[in-house]
């Protein structure tokens, strides 16, 4: 039960921050906001402000900043559709951007709290590809196959996503840059590894907390995009998708695992999950799919390029079709989550 409550609070906070982005940019651009709400379904609590109704709904899933985007016949100067195309773009883009901002703030807190995992080699596994290539403890890996590396986790994740592939490493030693080509070796568990271990976490100062907080957000955005790429190419099955029920299960497991170590350990694990979820929500909402913020941005950019708006009825049909497909996907993911728990 505690896990469920924590998951709902966590998810509601992340959604709140997303909708807050839309709300603040709407107010900044003089857009009339009819309602700002957290949750879905019947209203539990509401308060009418000077212009906007603030409310909390029964179902703690999702939220909304109601600006009348689909009301194209409204002639009020405060109407969303009567604002310039770039004002509307800023309002729609603000939600996902605020998710990235939240992920960054939380990442800085985590790095300042526990330090950061610099891409430094802590040790070399005997008879491994890394030993054969002459890598040494203390070397700092800066690139893998042309991809910039800042965190040690990026090395592990890259290896997981590119099992069995040859690896060109660029690394620094004593201020000099070197390059080596490694062929990962298969271990007893069937995994291809290059044979390096992680160095201890480095303590952060104010500058490195900001620097590695940014790297942390970049890491989660890139991991999300790489996962989506693998999903599209079939390297990851649809059965591995997870939704709200799966999130509740993960939060519950995190709580049960960490509660024995004290409140600080629980808080730390929840902050880490919040970074992951917030970055994921930001990426997913920017995908150019109908009914999502990214889909709306596509139409707005087309309008900016053409100099005139796509006929509202056509845009509405596209978003409606996307909404139906989105609901279908949500049902599929819900079924997956339930099956996984049984």
C-alpha atoms as a PDB file:
ATOM      1  CA  UNK A   1       0.000   0.000   0.000  1.00  0.00           C
ATOM      2  CA  UNK A   2       2.844   2.404   0.843  1.00  0.00           C
ATOM      3  CA  UNK A   3       4.403   1.684  -2.553  1.00  0.00           C
ATOM      4  CA  UNK A   4       1.142   2.530  -4.319  1.00  0.00           C
ATOM      5  CA  UNK A   5       0.783   5.820  -2.419  1.00  0.00           C
ATOM      6  CA  UNK A   6       4.395   6.789  -3.138  1.00  0.00           C
ATOM      7  CA  UNK A   7       4.010   5.910  -6.830  1.00  0.00           C
ATOM      8  CA  UNK A   8       0.869   8.024  -7.134  1.00  0.00           C
ATOM      9  CA  UNK A   9       2.506  10.970  -5.370  1.00  0.00           C
ATOM     10  CA  UNK A  10       5.610  10.614  -7.541  1.00  0.00           C
ATOM     11  CA  UNK A  11       3.696  10.409 -10.797  1.00  0.00           C
ATOM     12  CA  UNK A  12       1.332  13.232  -9.815  1.00  0.00           C
ATOM     13  CA  UNK A  13       4.280  15.510  -8.979  1.00  0.00           C
ATOM     14  CA  UNK A  14       5.966  14.834 -12.336  1.00  0.00           C
ATOM     15  CA  UNK A  15       2.718  15.438 -14.246  1.00  0.00           C
ATOM     16  CA  UNK A  16       2.111  18.595 -12.176  1.00  0.00           C
ATOM     17  CA  UNK A  17       5.510  19.956 -13.221  1.00  0.00           C
ATOM     18  CA  UNK A  18       4.773  19.135 -16.859  1.00  0.00           C
ATOM     19  CA  UNK A  19       1.424  20.942 -16.797  1.00  0.00           C
ATOM     20  CA  UNK A  20       3.004  23.802 -14.834  1.00  0.00           C
ATOM     21  CA  UNK A  21       5.254  24.414 -17.832  1.00  0.00           C
ATOM     22  CA  UNK A  22       2.236  24.776 -20.117  1.00  0.00           C
ATOM     23  CA  UNK A  23       0.466  26.967 -17.541  1.00  0.00           C
ATOM     24  CA  UNK A  24       3.338  29.389 -16.885  1.00  0.00           C
ATOM     25  CA  UNK A  25       4.102  29.921 -20.582  1.00  0.00           C
ATOM     26  CA  UNK A  26       0.400  30.354 -21.295  1.00  0.00           C
ATOM     27  CA  UNK A  27       0.209  33.078 -18.644  1.00  0.00           C
ATOM     28  CA  UNK A  28       3.450  34.599 -19.952  1.00  0.00           C
ATOM     29  CA  UNK A  29       1.922  34.870 -23.425  1.00  0.00           C
ATOM     30  CA  UNK A  30      -1.419  36.170 -22.191  1.00  0.00           C
ATOM     31  CA  UNK A  31      -3.336  32.978 -22.997  1.00  0.00           C
ATOM     32  CA  UNK A  32      -6.581  32.394 -21.099  1.00  0.00           C
ATOM     33  CA  UNK A  33      -6.340  29.148 -19.065  1.00  0.00           C
ATOM     34  CA  UNK A  34      -9.769  27.752 -18.265  1.00  0.00           C
ATOM     35  CA  UNK A  35      -8.623  25.050 -15.831  1.00  0.00           C
ATOM     36  CA  UNK A  36      -5.385  23.742 -14.344  1.00  0.00           C
ATOM     37  CA  UNK A  37      -5.912  20.280 -12.873  1.00  0.00           C
ATOM     38  CA  UNK A  38      -4.040  17.272 -11.596  1.00  0.00           C
ATOM     39  CA  UNK A  39      -5.620  13.857 -12.148  1.00  0.00           C
ATOM     40  CA  UNK A  40      -8.549  12.724 -14.267  1.00  0.00           C
ATOM     41  CA  UNK A  41     -12.243  12.088 -13.749  1.00  0.00           C
ATOM     42  CA  UNK A  42     -14.608  13.790 -11.280  1.00  0.00           C
ATOM     43  CA  UNK A  43     -13.335  16.830  -9.362  1.00  0.00           C
ATOM     44  CA  UNK A  44     -12.574  16.314  -5.659  1.00  0.00           C
ATOM     45  CA  UNK A  45     -11.331  19.782  -4.741  1.00  0.00           C
ATOM     46  CA  UNK A  46     -11.421  22.976  -6.785  1.00  0.00           C
ATOM     47  CA  UNK A  47     -10.857  26.674  -6.356  1.00  0.00           C
ATOM     48  CA  UNK A  48     -11.798  29.393  -8.804  1.00  0.00           C
ATOM     49  CA  UNK A  49      -9.078  31.960  -9.302  1.00  0.00           C
ATOM     50  CA  UNK A  50      -9.399  35.295 -11.063  1.00  0.00           C
ATOM     51  CA  UNK A  51      -9.408  33.541 -14.438  1.00  0.00           C
ATOM     52  CA  UNK A  52      -8.422  29.921 -13.909  1.00  0.00           C
ATOM     53  CA  UNK A  53     -10.103  27.090 -12.051  1.00  0.00           C
ATOM     54  CA  UNK A  54      -7.586  25.011 -10.053  1.00  0.00           C
ATOM     55  CA  UNK A  55      -8.655  21.463  -9.266  1.00  0.00           C
ATOM     56  CA  UNK A  56      -7.658  17.979  -8.147  1.00  0.00           C
ATOM     57  CA  UNK A  57      -9.438  15.056  -9.817  1.00  0.00           C
ATOM     58  CA  UNK A  58     -10.388  11.660  -8.439  1.00  0.00           C
ATOM     59  CA  UNK A  59      -8.013   9.519 -10.496  1.00  0.00           C
ATOM     60  CA  UNK A  60      -4.374  10.484  -9.757  1.00  0.00           C
ATOM     61  CA  UNK A  61      -3.225   9.753 -13.313  1.00  0.00           C
ATOM     62  CA  UNK A  62      -2.359  12.557 -15.701  1.00  0.00           C
ATOM     63  CA  UNK A  63      -3.417  16.180 -15.565  1.00  0.00           C
ATOM     64  CA  UNK A  64      -4.335  19.052 -17.840  1.00  0.00           C
ATOM     65  CA  UNK A  65      -3.880  22.731 -18.569  1.00  0.00           C
ATOM     66  CA  UNK A  66      -7.111  23.525 -20.425  1.00  0.00           C
ATOM     67  CA  UNK A  67      -6.535  26.419 -22.818  1.00  0.00           C
ATOM     68  CA  UNK A  68      -9.209  25.792 -25.452  1.00  0.00           C
ATOM     69  CA  UNK A  69      -6.711  24.685 -28.101  1.00  0.00           C
ATOM     70  CA  UNK A  70      -9.503  23.129 -30.190  1.00  0.00           C
ATOM     71  CA  UNK A  71     -11.813  26.154 -29.996  1.00  0.00           C
ATOM     72  CA  UNK A  72     -10.803  27.833 -33.260  1.00  0.00           C
ATOM     73  CA  UNK A  73     -13.914  30.050 -33.435  1.00  0.00           C
ATOM     74  CA  UNK A  74     -13.135  31.946 -30.222  1.00  0.00           C
ATOM     75  CA  UNK A  75     -12.425  35.583 -31.146  1.00  0.00           C
ATOM     76  CA  UNK A  76     -11.172  36.616 -27.702  1.00  0.00           C
ATOM     77  CA  UNK A  77      -7.640  38.058 -27.916  1.00  0.00           C
ATOM     78  CA  UNK A  78      -6.669  35.826 -24.969  1.00  0.00           C
ATOM     79  CA  UNK A  79      -7.704  32.696 -26.858  1.00  0.00           C
ATOM     80  CA  UNK A  80      -4.863  30.229 -27.473  1.00  0.00           C
ATOM     81  CA  UNK A  81      -5.573  30.116 -31.205  1.00  0.00           C
ATOM     82  CA  UNK A  82      -5.446  33.900 -31.558  1.00  0.00           C
ATOM     83  CA  UNK A  83      -1.861  34.093 -30.353  1.00  0.00           C
ATOM     84  CA  UNK A  84       1.122  34.071 -32.712  1.00  0.00           C
ATOM     85  CA  UNK A  85       2.364  30.702 -33.902  1.00  0.00           C
ATOM     86  CA  UNK A  86       5.638  31.108 -31.967  1.00  0.00           C
ATOM     87  CA  UNK A  87       3.737  31.933 -28.770  1.00  0.00           C
ATOM     88  CA  UNK A  88       1.706  28.753 -29.218  1.00  0.00           C
ATOM     89  CA  UNK A  89       4.854  26.730 -29.921  1.00  0.00           C
ATOM     90  CA  UNK A  90       6.431  28.000 -26.695  1.00  0.00           C
ATOM     91  CA  UNK A  91       3.319  27.065 -24.674  1.00  0.00           C
ATOM     92  CA  UNK A  92       3.124  23.520 -26.083  1.00  0.00           C
ATOM     93  CA  UNK A  93       6.890  22.884 -25.862  1.00  0.00           C
ATOM     94  CA  UNK A  94       7.045  24.138 -22.260  1.00  0.00           C
ATOM     95  CA  UNK A  95       5.568  20.932 -20.808  1.00  0.00           C
ATOM     96  CA  UNK A  96       8.303  18.544 -21.994  1.00  0.00           C
ATOM     97  CA  UNK A  97      10.982  21.178 -21.396  1.00  0.00           C
ATOM     98  CA  UNK A  98       9.838  21.534 -17.790  1.00  0.00           C
ATOM     99  CA  UNK A  99      10.190  17.758 -17.419  1.00  0.00           C
ATOM    100  CA  UNK A 100      13.827  18.061 -18.475  1.00  0.00           C
ATOM    101  CA  UNK A 101      14.288  20.986 -16.076  1.00  0.00           C
ATOM    102  CA  UNK A 102      12.845  18.911 -13.225  1.00  0.00           C
ATOM    103  CA  UNK A 103      15.118  15.983 -14.127  1.00  0.00           C
ATOM    104  CA  UNK A 104      18.106  18.361 -14.121  1.00  0.00           C
ATOM    105  CA  UNK A 105      17.250  19.876 -10.711  1.00  0.00           C
ATOM    106  CA  UNK A 106      16.832  16.422  -9.173  1.00  0.00           C
ATOM    107  CA  UNK A 107      20.037  15.187 -10.846  1.00  0.00           C
ATOM    108  CA  UNK A 108      22.035  18.053  -9.369  1.00  0.00           C
ATOM    109  CA  UNK A 109      20.649  17.147  -5.922  1.00  0.00           C
ATOM    110  CA  UNK A 110      21.662  13.497  -6.381  1.00  0.00           C
ATOM    111  CA  UNK A 111      25.171  14.329  -7.626  1.00  0.00           C
ATOM    112  CA  UNK A 112      25.714  16.822  -4.786  1.00  0.00           C
ATOM    113  CA  UNK A 113      24.469  14.162  -2.345  1.00  0.00           C
ATOM    114  CA  UNK A 114      26.343  11.012  -3.427  1.00  0.00           C
ATOM    115  CA  UNK A 115      28.858  12.162  -6.050  1.00  0.00           C
ATOM    116  CA  UNK A 116      29.180  11.126  -9.700  1.00  0.00           C
ATOM    117  CA  UNK A 117      30.371   8.083 -11.629  1.00  0.00           C
ATOM    118  CA  UNK A 118      33.100   9.514 -13.834  1.00  0.00           C
ATOM    119  CA  UNK A 119      33.966   7.353 -16.854  1.00  0.00           C
ATOM    120  CA  UNK A 120      37.202   6.288 -15.166  1.00  0.00           C
ATOM    121  CA  UNK A 121      38.458   2.714 -15.156  1.00  0.00           C
ATOM    122  CA  UNK A 122      38.670   1.354 -11.616  1.00  0.00           C
ATOM    123  CA  UNK A 123      40.230  -1.966 -12.566  1.00  0.00           C
ATOM    124  CA  UNK A 124      41.021  -4.350 -15.426  1.00  0.00           C
ATOM    125  CA  UNK A 125      39.668  -7.912 -15.551  1.00  0.00           C
ATOM    126  CA  UNK A 126      42.507 -10.428 -16.136  1.00  0.00           C
ATOM    127  CA  UNK A 127      42.658 -12.007 -19.614  1.00  0.00           C
ATOM    128  CA  UNK A 128      40.018  -9.602 -20.932  1.00  0.00           C
ATOM    129  CA  UNK A 129      39.812  -7.544 -24.113  1.00  0.00           C
ATOM    130  CA  UNK A 130      40.699  -4.446 -22.080  1.00  0.00           C
ATOM    131  CA  UNK A 131      43.898  -6.061 -20.779  1.00  0.00           C
ATOM    132  CA  UNK A 132      44.891  -7.195 -24.265  1.00  0.00           C
ATOM    133  CA  UNK A 133      44.376  -3.642 -25.546  1.00  0.00           C
ATOM    134  CA  UNK A 134      46.653  -2.241 -22.832  1.00  0.00           C
ATOM    135  CA  UNK A 135      44.042  -0.255 -20.906  1.00  0.00           C
ATOM    136  CA  UNK A 136      44.996   0.610 -17.328  1.00  0.00           C
ATOM    137  CA  UNK A 137      43.358   1.569 -14.066  1.00  0.00           C
ATOM    138  CA  UNK A 138      42.829   5.337 -13.984  1.00  0.00           C
ATOM    139  CA  UNK A 139      42.273   5.718 -17.732  1.00  0.00           C
ATOM    140  CA  UNK A 140      39.279   7.964 -18.479  1.00  0.00           C
ATOM    141  CA  UNK A 141      37.133   6.842 -21.410  1.00  0.00           C
ATOM    142  CA  UNK A 142      35.919   9.784 -23.498  1.00  0.00           C
ATOM    143  CA  UNK A 143      34.413   8.083 -26.565  1.00  0.00           C
ATOM    144  CA  UNK A 144      32.947   4.743 -27.632  1.00  0.00           C
ATOM    145  CA  UNK A 145      32.591   4.296 -31.405  1.00  0.00           C
ATOM    146  CA  UNK A 146      32.428   8.075 -31.816  1.00  0.00           C
ATOM    147  CA  UNK A 147      29.901   8.612 -29.027  1.00  0.00           C
ATOM    148  CA  UNK A 148      30.966  11.015 -26.277  1.00  0.00           C
ATOM    149  CA  UNK A 149      31.104   9.410 -22.834  1.00  0.00           C
ATOM    150  CA  UNK A 150      30.867  11.196 -19.476  1.00  0.00           C
ATOM    151  CA  UNK A 151      29.455   8.588 -17.062  1.00  0.00           C
ATOM    152  CA  UNK A 152      30.635   5.041 -16.461  1.00  0.00           C
ATOM    153  CA  UNK A 153      27.022   3.852 -16.777  1.00  0.00           C
ATOM    154  CA  UNK A 154      27.079   5.002 -20.401  1.00  0.00           C
ATOM    155  CA  UNK A 155      29.781   2.413 -21.083  1.00  0.00           C
ATOM    156  CA  UNK A 156      27.693  -0.375 -19.544  1.00  0.00           C
ATOM    157  CA  UNK A 157      24.504   0.674 -21.352  1.00  0.00           C
ATOM    158  CA  UNK A 158      26.281   1.049 -24.698  1.00  0.00           C
ATOM    159  CA  UNK A 159      27.690  -2.442 -24.272  1.00  0.00           C
ATOM    160  CA  UNK A 160      24.217  -3.841 -23.484  1.00  0.00           C
ATOM    161  CA  UNK A 161      22.701  -2.238 -26.574  1.00  0.00           C
ATOM    162  CA  UNK A 162      25.579  -3.318 -28.862  1.00  0.00           C
ATOM    163  CA  UNK A 163      26.364  -6.851 -27.694  1.00  0.00           C
ATOM    164  CA  UNK A 164      29.167  -8.566 -29.596  1.00  0.00           C
ATOM    165  CA  UNK A 165      30.141  -5.503 -31.642  1.00  0.00           C
ATOM    166  CA  UNK A 166      33.731  -4.333 -31.935  1.00  0.00           C
ATOM    167  CA  UNK A 167      34.428  -1.250 -29.833  1.00  0.00           C
ATOM    168  CA  UNK A 168      36.725   1.669 -30.661  1.00  0.00           C
ATOM    169  CA  UNK A 169      37.619   3.362 -27.381  1.00  0.00           C
ATOM    170  CA  UNK A 170      39.129   6.806 -27.039  1.00  0.00           C
ATOM    171  CA  UNK A 171      40.582   7.451 -23.593  1.00  0.00           C
ATOM    172  CA  UNK A 172      42.858   9.813 -21.720  1.00  0.00           C
ATOM    173  CA  UNK A 173      45.924   8.907 -19.664  1.00  0.00           C
ATOM    174  CA  UNK A 174      48.230  11.489 -18.083  1.00  0.00           C
ATOM    175  CA  UNK A 175      46.723  14.252 -20.207  1.00  0.00           C
ATOM    176  CA  UNK A 176      47.277  12.408 -23.501  1.00  0.00           C
ATOM    177  CA  UNK A 177      44.581  10.887 -25.731  1.00  0.00           C
ATOM    178  CA  UNK A 178      44.828   7.269 -26.947  1.00  0.00           C
ATOM    179  CA  UNK A 179      42.650   4.988 -29.058  1.00  0.00           C
ATOM    180  CA  UNK A 180      42.174   1.220 -28.971  1.00  0.00           C
ATOM    181  CA  UNK A 181      39.955  -1.253 -30.806  1.00  0.00           C
ATOM    182  CA  UNK A 182      38.523  -4.010 -28.593  1.00  0.00           C
ATOM    183  CA  UNK A 183      36.578  -7.177 -29.355  1.00  0.00           C
ATOM    184  CA  UNK A 184      34.320  -7.925 -26.334  1.00  0.00           C
ATOM    185  CA  UNK A 185      34.626 -11.437 -24.948  1.00  0.00           C
ATOM    186  CA  UNK A 186      31.705 -13.686 -24.040  1.00  0.00           C
ATOM    187  CA  UNK A 187      31.442 -14.652 -20.355  1.00  0.00           C
ATOM    188  CA  UNK A 188      29.763 -17.656 -18.738  1.00  0.00           C
ATOM    189  CA  UNK A 189      26.394 -15.855 -18.639  1.00  0.00           C
ATOM    190  CA  UNK A 190      26.522 -15.265 -22.398  1.00  0.00           C
ATOM    191  CA  UNK A 191      27.265 -11.529 -22.168  1.00  0.00           C
ATOM    192  CA  UNK A 192      29.931  -9.807 -24.257  1.00  0.00           C
ATOM    193  CA  UNK A 193      32.145  -7.626 -22.027  1.00  0.00           C
ATOM    194  CA  UNK A 194      35.292  -5.573 -22.575  1.00  0.00           C
ATOM    195  CA  UNK A 195      36.587  -6.302 -19.075  1.00  0.00           C
ATOM    196  CA  UNK A 196      36.728  -3.078 -17.067  1.00  0.00           C
ATOM    197  CA  UNK A 197      35.362  -2.193 -13.645  1.00  0.00           C
ATOM    198  CA  UNK A 198      34.106   1.108 -12.296  1.00  0.00           C
ATOM    199  CA  UNK A 199      36.145   3.483 -10.146  1.00  0.00           C
ATOM    200  CA  UNK A 200      34.696   4.886  -6.922  1.00  0.00           C
ATOM    201  CA  UNK A 201      32.198   7.735  -7.113  1.00  0.00           C
ATOM    202  CA  UNK A 202      33.824  11.180  -7.103  1.00  0.00           C
ATOM    203  CA  UNK A 203      32.743  13.809  -4.595  1.00  0.00           C
ATOM    204  CA  UNK A 204      31.090  16.791  -6.276  1.00  0.00           C
ATOM    205  CA  UNK A 205      31.567  20.495  -5.737  1.00  0.00           C
ATOM    206  CA  UNK A 206      29.118  23.165  -6.897  1.00  0.00           C
ATOM    207  CA  UNK A 207      30.482  23.168 -10.464  1.00  0.00           C
ATOM    208  CA  UNK A 208      30.695  19.405 -10.938  1.00  0.00           C
ATOM    209  CA  UNK A 209      27.225  18.964  -9.410  1.00  0.00           C
ATOM    210  CA  UNK A 210      25.798  21.171 -12.167  1.00  0.00           C
ATOM    211  CA  UNK A 211      28.033  19.637 -14.839  1.00  0.00           C
ATOM    212  CA  UNK A 212      27.297  16.005 -14.013  1.00  0.00           C
ATOM    213  CA  UNK A 213      23.652  16.791 -13.268  1.00  0.00           C
ATOM    214  CA  UNK A 214      23.416  17.830 -16.916  1.00  0.00           C
ATOM    215  CA  UNK A 215      25.251  14.671 -18.021  1.00  0.00           C
ATOM    216  CA  UNK A 216      22.768  12.638 -15.953  1.00  0.00           C
ATOM    217  CA  UNK A 217      19.777  14.108 -17.824  1.00  0.00           C
ATOM    218  CA  UNK A 218      21.554  13.616 -21.150  1.00  0.00           C
ATOM    219  CA  UNK A 219      22.173   9.982 -20.196  1.00  0.00           C
ATOM    220  CA  UNK A 220      18.494   9.271 -19.493  1.00  0.00           C
ATOM    221  CA  UNK A 221      17.313  11.064 -22.636  1.00  0.00           C
ATOM    222  CA  UNK A 222      19.763   9.111 -24.805  1.00  0.00           C
ATOM    223  CA  UNK A 223      18.883   5.825 -23.077  1.00  0.00           C
ATOM    224  CA  UNK A 224      15.179   6.463 -23.697  1.00  0.00           C
ATOM    225  CA  UNK A 225      15.792   7.266 -27.367  1.00  0.00           C
ATOM    226  CA  UNK A 226      18.011   4.196 -27.796  1.00  0.00           C
ATOM    227  CA  UNK A 227      15.316   2.019 -26.189  1.00  0.00           C
ATOM    228  CA  UNK A 228      12.694   3.440 -28.564  1.00  0.00           C
ATOM    229  CA  UNK A 229      15.004   2.771 -31.505  1.00  0.00           C
ATOM    230  CA  UNK A 230      15.413  -0.849 -30.405  1.00  0.00           C
ATOM    231  CA  UNK A 231      11.629  -1.132 -29.975  1.00  0.00           C
ATOM    232  CA  UNK A 232      11.018   0.123 -33.527  1.00  0.00           C
ATOM    233  CA  UNK A 233      13.705  -2.149 -35.010  1.00  0.00           C
ATOM    234  CA  UNK A 234      12.387  -5.172 -33.119  1.00  0.00           C
ATOM    235  CA  UNK A 235      15.400  -5.665 -30.835  1.00  0.00           C
ATOM    236  CA  UNK A 236      13.039  -5.110 -27.888  1.00  0.00           C
ATOM    237  CA  UNK A 237       9.598  -6.754 -27.889  1.00  0.00           C
ATOM    238  CA  UNK A 238       6.343  -4.893 -27.282  1.00  0.00           C
ATOM    239  CA  UNK A 239       5.811  -7.187 -24.287  1.00  0.00           C
ATOM    240  CA  UNK A 240       8.600  -5.307 -22.486  1.00  0.00           C
ATOM    241  CA  UNK A 241       6.675  -2.022 -22.462  1.00  0.00           C
ATOM    242  CA  UNK A 242       5.520  -0.855 -19.051  1.00  0.00           C
ATOM    243  CA  UNK A 243       2.960   1.708 -17.857  1.00  0.00           C
ATOM    244  CA  UNK A 244       1.434   3.089 -14.643  1.00  0.00           C
ATOM    245  CA  UNK A 245       0.901  -0.363 -13.079  1.00  0.00           C
ATOM    246  CA  UNK A 246       4.512  -1.291 -13.826  1.00  0.00           C
ATOM    247  CA  UNK A 247       5.678   2.015 -12.351  1.00  0.00           C
ATOM    248  CA  UNK A 248       3.717   1.319  -9.162  1.00  0.00           C
ATOM    249  CA  UNK A 249       5.402  -2.092  -8.949  1.00  0.00           C
ATOM    250  CA  UNK A 250       8.896  -0.604  -9.475  1.00  0.00           C
ATOM    251  CA  UNK A 251       8.307   2.116  -6.853  1.00  0.00           C
ATOM    252  CA  UNK A 252       6.951  -0.478  -4.428  1.00  0.00           C
ATOM    253  CA  UNK A 253      10.018  -2.686  -4.935  1.00  0.00           C
ATOM    254  CA  UNK A 254      12.325   0.321  -4.466  1.00  0.00           C
ATOM    255  CA  UNK A 255      10.570   1.190  -1.206  1.00  0.00           C
ATOM    256  CA  UNK A 256      10.718  -2.372   0.135  1.00  0.00           C
ATOM    257  CA  UNK A 257      14.392  -2.727  -0.823  1.00  0.00           C
ATOM    258  CA  UNK A 258      15.521   0.564   0.703  1.00  0.00           C
ATOM    259  CA  UNK A 259      13.312   0.982   3.785  1.00  0.00           C
ATOM    260  CA  UNK A 260      15.644  -1.201   5.874  1.00  0.00           C
ATOM    261  CA  UNK A 261      18.435   1.344   5.241  1.00  0.00           C
ATOM    262  CA  UNK A 262      16.452   4.321   6.501  1.00  0.00           C
ATOM    263  CA  UNK A 263      14.427   7.244   5.223  1.00  0.00           C
ATOM    264  CA  UNK A 264      17.347   8.847   3.363  1.00  0.00           C
ATOM    265  CA  UNK A 265      17.842   5.687   1.299  1.00  0.00           C
ATOM    266  CA  UNK A 266      14.148   5.616   0.358  1.00  0.00           C
ATOM    267  CA  UNK A 267      14.205   9.302  -0.602  1.00  0.00           C
ATOM    268  CA  UNK A 268      17.345   8.796  -2.686  1.00  0.00           C
ATOM    269  CA  UNK A 269      15.806   5.879  -4.610  1.00  0.00           C
ATOM    270  CA  UNK A 270      12.593   7.847  -5.240  1.00  0.00           C
ATOM    271  CA  UNK A 271      14.542  10.859  -6.523  1.00  0.00           C
ATOM    272  CA  UNK A 272      16.422   8.594  -8.933  1.00  0.00           C
ATOM    273  CA  UNK A 273      13.145   7.134 -10.179  1.00  0.00           C
ATOM    274  CA  UNK A 274      11.757  10.659 -10.568  1.00  0.00           C
ATOM    275  CA  UNK A 275      14.719  11.615 -12.778  1.00  0.00           C
ATOM    276  CA  UNK A 276      14.133   8.569 -14.972  1.00  0.00           C
ATOM    277  CA  UNK A 277      10.347   9.119 -15.224  1.00  0.00           C
ATOM    278  CA  UNK A 278      10.570  12.859 -15.807  1.00  0.00           C
ATOM    279  CA  UNK A 279      13.176  12.505 -18.575  1.00  0.00           C
ATOM    280  CA  UNK A 280      11.101   9.701 -20.141  1.00  0.00           C
ATOM    281  CA  UNK A 281       7.911  11.770 -20.014  1.00  0.00           C
ATOM    282  CA  UNK A 282       9.707  14.686 -21.649  1.00  0.00           C
ATOM    283  CA  UNK A 283      11.032  12.521 -24.490  1.00  0.00           C
ATOM    284  CA  UNK A 284       7.749  10.670 -25.052  1.00  0.00           C
ATOM    285  CA  UNK A 285       5.747  13.909 -25.193  1.00  0.00           C
ATOM    286  CA  UNK A 286       8.092  15.363 -27.815  1.00  0.00           C
ATOM    287  CA  UNK A 287       7.628  12.421 -30.174  1.00  0.00           C
ATOM    288  CA  UNK A 288       5.896  13.682 -33.356  1.00  0.00           C
ATOM    289  CA  UNK A 289       2.797  11.579 -32.728  1.00  0.00           C
ATOM    290  CA  UNK A 290      -0.811  12.819 -32.918  1.00  0.00           C
ATOM    291  CA  UNK A 291      -2.449  13.795 -29.600  1.00  0.00           C
ATOM    292  CA  UNK A 292       0.945  14.308 -27.922  1.00  0.00           C
ATOM    293  CA  UNK A 293       2.714  17.644 -27.501  1.00  0.00           C
ATOM    294  CA  UNK A 294       5.132  16.601 -30.252  1.00  0.00           C
ATOM    295  CA  UNK A 295       2.253  15.995 -32.649  1.00  0.00           C
ATOM    296  CA  UNK A 296       0.816  19.449 -31.958  1.00  0.00           C
ATOM    297  CA  UNK A 297       4.255  20.984 -32.463  1.00  0.00           C
ATOM    298  CA  UNK A 298       4.493  19.367 -35.911  1.00  0.00           C
ATOM    299  CA  UNK A 299       1.324  21.165 -37.022  1.00  0.00           C
ATOM    300  CA  UNK A 300       2.521  24.438 -35.480  1.00  0.00           C
ATOM    301  CA  UNK A 301       5.900  24.244 -37.250  1.00  0.00           C
ATOM    302  CA  UNK A 302       4.127  23.458 -40.525  1.00  0.00           C
ATOM    303  CA  UNK A 303       2.004  26.567 -39.917  1.00  0.00           C
ATOM    304  CA  UNK A 304       5.129  28.647 -39.219  1.00  0.00           C
ATOM    305  CA  UNK A 305       6.733  27.474 -42.475  1.00  0.00           C
ATOM    306  CA  UNK A 306       3.602  27.789 -44.657  1.00  0.00           C
ATOM    307  CA  UNK A 307       2.457  31.040 -43.104  1.00  0.00           C
ATOM    308  CA  UNK A 308      -1.060  29.695 -42.635  1.00  0.00           C
ATOM    309  CA  UNK A 309      -2.718  27.194 -40.379  1.00  0.00           C
ATOM    310  CA  UNK A 310      -3.534  23.608 -41.333  1.00  0.00           C
ATOM    311  CA  UNK A 311      -7.358  23.373 -41.534  1.00  0.00           C
ATOM    312  CA  UNK A 312      -8.498  22.792 -37.909  1.00  0.00           C
ATOM    313  CA  UNK A 313     -10.920  20.008 -38.857  1.00  0.00           C
ATOM    314  CA  UNK A 314      -8.101  18.025 -40.500  1.00  0.00           C
ATOM    315  CA  UNK A 315      -5.748  18.566 -37.569  1.00  0.00           C
ATOM    316  CA  UNK A 316      -8.540  17.583 -35.182  1.00  0.00           C
ATOM    317  CA  UNK A 317      -9.161  14.332 -37.067  1.00  0.00           C
ATOM    318  CA  UNK A 318      -5.472  13.439 -36.925  1.00  0.00           C
ATOM    319  CA  UNK A 319      -5.270  14.100 -33.177  1.00  0.00           C
ATOM    320  CA  UNK A 320      -8.507  12.172 -32.572  1.00  0.00           C
ATOM    321  CA  UNK A 321      -7.138   9.148 -34.452  1.00  0.00           C
ATOM    322  CA  UNK A 322      -3.898   9.450 -32.461  1.00  0.00           C
ATOM    323  CA  UNK A 323      -5.862   9.610 -29.221  1.00  0.00           C
ATOM    324  CA  UNK A 324      -7.702   6.381 -30.085  1.00  0.00           C
ATOM    325  CA  UNK A 325      -4.410   4.643 -30.868  1.00  0.00           C
ATOM    326  CA  UNK A 326      -2.912   6.014 -27.658  1.00  0.00           C
ATOM    327  CA  UNK A 327      -5.771   4.595 -25.600  1.00  0.00           C
ATOM    328  CA  UNK A 328      -5.293   1.266 -27.372  1.00  0.00           C
ATOM    329  CA  UNK A 329      -1.600   1.292 -26.490  1.00  0.00           C
ATOM    330  CA  UNK A 330      -2.413   2.155 -22.868  1.00  0.00           C
ATOM    331  CA  UNK A 331      -4.783  -0.833 -22.646  1.00  0.00           C
ATOM    332  CA  UNK A 332      -2.119  -3.089 -24.186  1.00  0.00           C
ATOM    333  CA  UNK A 333       0.546  -1.843 -21.756  1.00  0.00           C
ATOM    334  CA  UNK A 334      -1.863  -2.246 -18.825  1.00  0.00           C
ATOM    335  CA  UNK A 335      -2.507  -5.853 -19.865  1.00  0.00           C
ATOM    336  CA  UNK A 336       1.280  -6.415 -20.113  1.00  0.00           C
ATOM    337  CA  UNK A 337       1.848  -5.006 -16.629  1.00  0.00           C
ATOM    338  CA  UNK A 338      -0.898  -7.129 -15.083  1.00  0.00           C
ATOM    339  CA  UNK A 339       0.401 -10.274 -16.794  1.00  0.00           C
ATOM    340  CA  UNK A 340       3.884  -9.533 -15.503  1.00  0.00           C
ATOM    341  CA  UNK A 341       2.624  -9.237 -11.935  1.00  0.00           C
ATOM    342  CA  UNK A 342       0.567 -12.443 -11.987  1.00  0.00           C
END
